[in-house]
C-alpha cells in the first residue's frame, strides 16, 4: 500500500488501497443517477413532506383535504408539497370525479419511509 501524507503537520497517515479505489470508481453511480438520488433525498429532507409521506405510509390513500388536516397545514401548502413529491416520483395521484387521492408511488417509497422511521427511533 502507498502512504500519502498531505503535509508534515498531519499526525494521521492515510493509506491508499489502489484495488479498493479502482473497484469503487468502476462501480460508482453515473452522474445522472447521482442527480436523481440527490433530488430524492432533498425531497425527503423537509419535515412537512416527511409528515405527508408518513401519513400515506400508514393510510392507503388520502385526498389533499385529508392530508391538510393530518399535517395541520392549509390545503394550498399541502398541494404545493404534493406537487414536489409527484415531481420526484414519491407519490401518485388518482382522480375520482373532482377528488384527487394520493398514495405512495410504490413499495420502494414505503421501504424508504419504514427504514427511516426505524433508524430515527434508534437514536
N, C-alpha and C. Protein backbone atom coordinates (compact mmCIF):
# COMPACT_ATOMS: atom_id res chain seq x y z
N UNK A 1 0.83 -1.18 0.00
CA UNK A 1 0.00 0.00 0.00
C UNK A 1 0.87 1.25 0.00
N UNK A 2 0.40 2.25 -0.74
CA UNK A 2 1.11 3.52 -0.76
C UNK A 2 0.70 4.33 0.46
N UNK A 3 1.61 5.14 0.96
CA UNK A 3 1.30 6.03 2.08
C UNK A 3 1.26 7.45 1.56
N UNK A 4 0.20 8.16 1.94
CA UNK A 4 0.02 9.52 1.49
C UNK A 4 -0.04 10.43 2.70
N UNK A 5 0.80 11.46 2.71
CA UNK A 5 0.78 12.46 3.78
C UNK A 5 0.66 13.82 3.12
N UNK A 6 -0.48 14.52 3.35
CA UNK A 6 -0.67 15.82 2.70
C UNK A 6 0.36 16.86 3.14
N UNK A 7 0.80 16.82 4.40
CA UNK A 7 1.87 17.70 4.86
C UNK A 7 2.46 17.11 6.14
N UNK A 8 3.56 17.63 6.56
CA UNK A 8 4.26 17.06 7.71
C UNK A 8 3.54 17.33 9.03
N UNK A 9 2.61 18.30 9.07
CA UNK A 9 1.89 18.62 10.31
C UNK A 9 0.73 17.67 10.59
N UNK A 10 0.39 16.84 9.62
CA UNK A 10 -0.74 15.93 9.78
C UNK A 10 -0.30 14.71 10.58
N UNK A 11 -0.91 14.49 11.75
CA UNK A 11 -0.47 13.36 12.57
C UNK A 11 -0.91 12.01 12.02
N UNK A 12 -2.04 11.96 11.31
CA UNK A 12 -2.56 10.69 10.81
C UNK A 12 -1.92 10.34 9.48
N UNK A 13 -1.73 9.07 9.27
CA UNK A 13 -1.21 8.59 7.99
C UNK A 13 -2.39 8.00 7.23
N UNK A 14 -2.57 8.42 5.98
CA UNK A 14 -3.66 7.93 5.14
C UNK A 14 -3.09 6.87 4.22
N UNK A 15 -3.58 5.68 4.36
CA UNK A 15 -3.11 4.62 3.49
C UNK A 15 -4.08 4.47 2.33
N UNK A 16 -3.53 4.35 1.15
CA UNK A 16 -4.32 4.21 -0.07
C UNK A 16 -4.28 2.75 -0.49
N UNK A 17 -5.45 2.20 -0.78
CA UNK A 17 -5.55 0.83 -1.29
C UNK A 17 -5.98 0.95 -2.75
N UNK A 18 -5.06 0.86 -3.68
CA UNK A 18 -5.37 1.06 -5.09
C UNK A 18 -6.50 0.15 -5.60
N UNK A 19 -6.55 -1.08 -5.14
CA UNK A 19 -7.60 -2.00 -5.59
C UNK A 19 -8.97 -1.52 -5.13
N UNK A 20 -9.05 -1.04 -3.90
CA UNK A 20 -10.33 -0.54 -3.37
C UNK A 20 -10.77 0.70 -4.13
N UNK A 21 -9.82 1.58 -4.40
CA UNK A 21 -10.14 2.81 -5.14
C UNK A 21 -10.62 2.45 -6.54
N UNK A 22 -9.91 1.54 -7.20
CA UNK A 22 -10.30 1.12 -8.55
C UNK A 22 -11.70 0.52 -8.55
N UNK A 23 -11.96 -0.36 -7.61
CA UNK A 23 -13.28 -1.01 -7.51
C UNK A 23 -14.39 0.03 -7.29
N UNK A 24 -14.16 0.96 -6.35
CA UNK A 24 -15.17 1.99 -6.05
C UNK A 24 -15.43 2.87 -7.28
N UNK A 25 -14.38 3.23 -8.00
CA UNK A 25 -14.55 4.06 -9.20
C UNK A 25 -15.29 3.30 -10.29
N UNK A 26 -14.96 2.03 -10.47
CA UNK A 26 -15.63 1.24 -11.51
C UNK A 26 -17.10 1.03 -11.22
N UNK A 27 -17.48 1.01 -9.96
CA UNK A 27 -18.86 0.75 -9.57
C UNK A 27 -19.61 2.00 -9.12
N UNK A 28 -19.01 3.16 -9.32
CA UNK A 28 -19.65 4.42 -8.95
C UNK A 28 -20.90 4.65 -9.80
N UNK A 29 -21.88 5.28 -9.20
CA UNK A 29 -23.10 5.60 -9.94
C UNK A 29 -22.82 6.65 -11.00
N UNK A 30 -23.49 6.54 -12.13
CA UNK A 30 -23.36 7.59 -13.16
C UNK A 30 -23.90 8.92 -12.62
N UNK A 31 -23.40 10.00 -13.18
CA UNK A 31 -23.80 11.35 -12.73
C UNK A 31 -25.31 11.54 -12.77
N UNK A 32 -25.97 10.99 -13.78
CA UNK A 32 -27.44 11.12 -13.89
C UNK A 32 -28.13 10.49 -12.68
N UNK A 33 -27.66 9.31 -12.27
CA UNK A 33 -28.25 8.63 -11.12
C UNK A 33 -27.96 9.38 -9.82
N UNK A 34 -26.77 9.92 -9.71
CA UNK A 34 -26.43 10.71 -8.52
C UNK A 34 -27.35 11.92 -8.42
N UNK A 35 -27.62 12.57 -9.54
CA UNK A 35 -28.51 13.74 -9.54
C UNK A 35 -29.92 13.34 -9.11
N UNK A 36 -30.43 12.24 -9.63
CA UNK A 36 -31.77 11.76 -9.24
C UNK A 36 -31.81 11.40 -7.76
N UNK A 37 -30.76 10.77 -7.28
CA UNK A 37 -30.68 10.40 -5.87
C UNK A 37 -30.63 11.64 -4.98
N UNK A 38 -29.89 12.63 -5.42
CA UNK A 38 -29.81 13.89 -4.69
C UNK A 38 -31.18 14.56 -4.60
N UNK A 39 -31.91 14.56 -5.72
CA UNK A 39 -33.25 15.16 -5.73
C UNK A 39 -34.19 14.37 -4.81
N UNK A 40 -34.05 13.06 -4.79
CA UNK A 40 -34.86 12.23 -3.91
C UNK A 40 -34.61 12.59 -2.45
N UNK A 41 -33.33 12.61 -2.05
CA UNK A 41 -33.02 12.90 -0.66
C UNK A 41 -33.33 14.34 -0.28
N UNK A 42 -33.24 15.26 -1.21
CA UNK A 42 -33.62 16.64 -0.89
C UNK A 42 -35.13 16.72 -0.64
N UNK A 43 -35.90 15.93 -1.37
CA UNK A 43 -37.35 15.90 -1.14
C UNK A 43 -37.66 15.33 0.24
N UNK A 44 -36.85 14.38 0.67
CA UNK A 44 -37.06 13.76 1.98
C UNK A 44 -36.52 14.60 3.13
N UNK A 45 -35.85 15.69 2.84
CA UNK A 45 -35.23 16.50 3.89
C UNK A 45 -36.18 17.50 4.53
N UNK A 46 -37.39 17.61 4.05
CA UNK A 46 -38.35 18.59 4.57
C UNK A 46 -39.32 17.92 5.53
N UNK A 47 -39.48 18.45 6.75
CA UNK A 47 -40.38 17.84 7.73
C UNK A 47 -41.83 17.73 7.25
N UNK A 48 -42.33 18.73 6.54
CA UNK A 48 -43.71 18.67 6.06
C UNK A 48 -43.89 17.53 5.06
N UNK A 49 -42.95 17.41 4.13
CA UNK A 49 -43.05 16.33 3.16
C UNK A 49 -42.93 14.97 3.83
N UNK A 50 -42.09 14.86 4.83
CA UNK A 50 -41.99 13.60 5.57
C UNK A 50 -43.29 13.28 6.30
N UNK A 51 -43.94 14.29 6.86
CA UNK A 51 -45.22 14.06 7.54
C UNK A 51 -46.27 13.58 6.53
N UNK A 52 -46.27 14.17 5.35
CA UNK A 52 -47.20 13.74 4.30
C UNK A 52 -46.91 12.30 3.89
N UNK A 53 -45.64 12.00 3.65
CA UNK A 53 -45.28 10.65 3.25
C UNK A 53 -45.59 9.63 4.35
N UNK A 54 -45.36 10.02 5.59
CA UNK A 54 -45.67 9.10 6.69
C UNK A 54 -47.17 8.84 6.76
N UNK A 55 -47.97 9.89 6.58
CA UNK A 55 -49.43 9.71 6.57
C UNK A 55 -49.85 8.75 5.46
N UNK A 56 -49.19 8.85 4.32
CA UNK A 56 -49.51 7.95 3.21
C UNK A 56 -48.93 6.55 3.42
N UNK A 57 -47.95 6.44 4.29
CA UNK A 57 -47.40 5.13 4.63
C UNK A 57 -48.38 4.35 5.50
N UNK A 58 -49.07 5.06 6.39
CA UNK A 58 -49.99 4.38 7.31
C UNK A 58 -51.43 4.36 6.81
N UNK A 59 -51.71 5.11 5.74
CA UNK A 59 -53.03 5.09 5.11
C UNK A 59 -52.85 4.72 3.65
N UNK A 60 -53.78 3.98 3.10
CA UNK A 60 -53.63 3.55 1.71
C UNK A 60 -53.59 4.74 0.77
N UNK A 61 -54.52 5.67 0.94
CA UNK A 61 -54.53 6.90 0.15
C UNK A 61 -55.33 7.96 0.89
N UNK A 62 -54.99 9.21 0.61
CA UNK A 62 -55.65 10.35 1.23
C UNK A 62 -55.79 11.46 0.20
N UNK A 63 -56.86 12.23 0.31
CA UNK A 63 -57.01 13.39 -0.57
C UNK A 63 -56.31 14.59 0.07
N UNK A 64 -56.18 15.67 -0.68
CA UNK A 64 -55.47 16.86 -0.20
C UNK A 64 -56.08 17.38 1.08
N UNK A 65 -57.41 17.44 1.14
CA UNK A 65 -58.07 17.94 2.34
C UNK A 65 -57.76 17.09 3.56
N UNK A 66 -57.80 15.78 3.38
CA UNK A 66 -57.46 14.86 4.48
C UNK A 66 -56.01 15.09 4.94
N UNK A 67 -55.11 15.17 3.98
CA UNK A 67 -53.71 15.39 4.32
C UNK A 67 -53.49 16.72 5.02
N UNK A 68 -54.21 17.75 4.58
CA UNK A 68 -54.10 19.06 5.22
C UNK A 68 -54.49 18.98 6.70
N UNK A 69 -55.55 18.24 7.00
CA UNK A 69 -55.96 18.07 8.39
C UNK A 69 -54.94 17.26 9.18
N UNK A 70 -54.41 16.22 8.58
CA UNK A 70 -53.44 15.36 9.26
C UNK A 70 -52.17 16.12 9.60
N UNK A 71 -51.63 16.88 8.65
CA UNK A 71 -50.36 17.58 8.87
C UNK A 71 -50.57 19.00 9.40
N UNK A 72 -51.83 19.39 9.58
CA UNK A 72 -52.20 20.69 10.15
C UNK A 72 -51.62 21.87 9.38
N UNK A 73 -51.86 21.82 8.07
CA UNK A 73 -51.47 22.90 7.18
C UNK A 73 -52.62 23.22 6.23
N UNK A 74 -52.50 24.32 5.51
CA UNK A 74 -53.54 24.68 4.55
C UNK A 74 -53.52 23.72 3.37
N UNK A 75 -54.66 23.66 2.69
CA UNK A 75 -54.76 22.82 1.50
C UNK A 75 -53.75 23.28 0.46
N UNK A 76 -53.58 24.59 0.30
CA UNK A 76 -52.65 25.07 -0.71
C UNK A 76 -51.21 24.71 -0.35
N UNK A 77 -50.84 24.75 0.92
CA UNK A 77 -49.48 24.37 1.33
C UNK A 77 -49.24 22.89 1.07
N UNK A 78 -50.23 22.06 1.37
CA UNK A 78 -50.10 20.62 1.14
C UNK A 78 -50.04 20.34 -0.36
N UNK A 79 -50.87 21.04 -1.14
CA UNK A 79 -50.86 20.86 -2.60
C UNK A 79 -49.48 21.18 -3.18
N UNK A 80 -48.88 22.24 -2.68
CA UNK A 80 -47.53 22.61 -3.14
C UNK A 80 -46.53 21.48 -2.85
N UNK A 81 -46.59 20.93 -1.65
CA UNK A 81 -45.67 19.86 -1.29
C UNK A 81 -45.95 18.59 -2.09
N UNK A 82 -47.21 18.30 -2.33
CA UNK A 82 -47.57 17.12 -3.12
C UNK A 82 -47.07 17.25 -4.56
N UNK A 83 -47.10 18.44 -5.09
CA UNK A 83 -46.60 18.67 -6.44
C UNK A 83 -45.11 18.31 -6.50
N UNK A 84 -44.34 18.74 -5.51
CA UNK A 84 -42.93 18.41 -5.48
C UNK A 84 -42.73 16.90 -5.31
N UNK A 85 -43.51 16.28 -4.43
CA UNK A 85 -43.40 14.83 -4.23
C UNK A 85 -43.75 14.05 -5.49
N UNK A 86 -44.72 14.55 -6.24
CA UNK A 86 -45.06 13.91 -7.53
C UNK A 86 -43.93 14.07 -8.52
N UNK A 87 -43.33 15.26 -8.56
CA UNK A 87 -42.21 15.51 -9.48
C UNK A 87 -41.03 14.60 -9.18
N UNK A 88 -40.90 14.18 -7.93
CA UNK A 88 -39.79 13.30 -7.52
C UNK A 88 -40.19 11.83 -7.55
N UNK A 89 -41.37 11.55 -8.08
CA UNK A 89 -41.89 10.17 -8.19
C UNK A 89 -42.03 9.48 -6.84
N UNK A 90 -42.41 10.24 -5.81
CA UNK A 90 -42.60 9.66 -4.48
C UNK A 90 -44.07 9.39 -4.18
N UNK A 91 -44.97 10.14 -4.81
CA UNK A 91 -46.41 9.90 -4.65
C UNK A 91 -47.05 9.86 -6.03
N UNK A 92 -48.23 9.27 -6.07
CA UNK A 92 -49.01 9.28 -7.31
C UNK A 92 -50.43 9.73 -6.97
N UNK A 93 -51.10 10.19 -7.99
CA UNK A 93 -52.45 10.72 -7.82
C UNK A 93 -53.44 9.88 -8.60
N UNK A 94 -54.65 9.76 -8.02
CA UNK A 94 -55.74 9.06 -8.68
C UNK A 94 -56.98 9.94 -8.57
N UNK A 95 -57.51 10.31 -9.71
CA UNK A 95 -58.68 11.19 -9.73
C UNK A 95 -59.96 10.36 -9.65
N UNK A 96 -60.86 10.79 -8.77
CA UNK A 96 -62.18 10.18 -8.63
C UNK A 96 -63.19 11.32 -8.68
N UNK A 97 -63.64 11.64 -9.90
CA UNK A 97 -64.51 12.81 -10.07
C UNK A 97 -63.69 14.07 -9.83
N UNK A 98 -64.15 14.87 -8.86
CA UNK A 98 -63.43 16.11 -8.54
C UNK A 98 -62.37 15.91 -7.46
N UNK A 99 -62.35 14.76 -6.85
CA UNK A 99 -61.42 14.49 -5.76
C UNK A 99 -60.18 13.77 -6.29
N UNK A 100 -59.01 14.23 -5.85
CA UNK A 100 -57.76 13.58 -6.20
C UNK A 100 -57.23 12.89 -4.95
N UNK A 101 -57.01 11.60 -5.06
CA UNK A 101 -56.48 10.81 -3.96
C UNK A 101 -55.00 10.57 -4.20
N UNK A 102 -54.22 10.69 -3.14
CA UNK A 102 -52.77 10.49 -3.24
C UNK A 102 -52.36 9.23 -2.48
N UNK A 103 -51.36 8.56 -3.01
CA UNK A 103 -50.79 7.38 -2.37
C UNK A 103 -49.30 7.37 -2.65
N UNK A 104 -48.59 6.50 -1.94
CA UNK A 104 -47.17 6.35 -2.22
C UNK A 104 -46.99 5.82 -3.64
N UNK A 105 -45.95 6.23 -4.29
CA UNK A 105 -45.72 5.84 -5.69
C UNK A 105 -45.50 4.34 -5.83
N UNK A 106 -44.78 3.75 -4.88
CA UNK A 106 -44.51 2.31 -4.95
C UNK A 106 -43.97 1.82 -3.62
N UNK A 107 -43.66 0.54 -3.58
CA UNK A 107 -43.16 -0.07 -2.35
C UNK A 107 -41.76 0.42 -1.97
N UNK A 108 -41.01 0.92 -2.94
CA UNK A 108 -39.69 1.47 -2.62
C UNK A 108 -39.82 2.66 -1.67
N UNK A 109 -40.81 3.50 -1.91
CA UNK A 109 -41.03 4.67 -1.06
C UNK A 109 -41.44 4.21 0.34
N UNK A 110 -42.32 3.23 0.40
CA UNK A 110 -42.74 2.67 1.70
C UNK A 110 -41.52 2.12 2.45
N UNK A 111 -40.67 1.41 1.72
CA UNK A 111 -39.47 0.84 2.34
C UNK A 111 -38.54 1.94 2.85
N UNK A 112 -38.34 2.99 2.06
CA UNK A 112 -37.52 4.13 2.49
C UNK A 112 -38.07 4.73 3.78
N UNK A 113 -39.38 4.96 3.81
CA UNK A 113 -40.00 5.54 4.99
C UNK A 113 -39.89 4.61 6.19
N UNK A 114 -40.21 3.34 5.99
CA UNK A 114 -40.14 2.38 7.10
C UNK A 114 -38.72 2.29 7.66
N UNK A 115 -37.74 2.21 6.78
CA UNK A 115 -36.35 2.13 7.21
C UNK A 115 -35.93 3.40 7.93
N UNK A 116 -36.35 4.55 7.39
CA UNK A 116 -36.02 5.83 8.03
C UNK A 116 -36.62 5.95 9.42
N UNK A 117 -37.85 5.50 9.58
CA UNK A 117 -38.51 5.56 10.89
C UNK A 117 -37.78 4.67 11.89
N UNK A 118 -37.43 3.46 11.46
CA UNK A 118 -36.69 2.56 12.35
C UNK A 118 -35.38 3.19 12.77
N UNK A 119 -34.67 3.75 11.80
CA UNK A 119 -33.38 4.38 12.09
C UNK A 119 -33.55 5.57 13.05
N UNK A 120 -34.56 6.40 12.81
CA UNK A 120 -34.80 7.57 13.66
C UNK A 120 -35.16 7.14 15.09
N UNK A 121 -35.88 6.04 15.22
CA UNK A 121 -36.27 5.57 16.54
C UNK A 121 -35.11 4.95 17.32
N UNK A 122 -34.04 4.58 16.63
CA UNK A 122 -32.88 4.01 17.32
C UNK A 122 -32.11 5.05 18.10
N UNK A 123 -32.21 6.31 17.69
CA UNK A 123 -31.42 7.36 18.34
C UNK A 123 -32.08 7.89 19.50
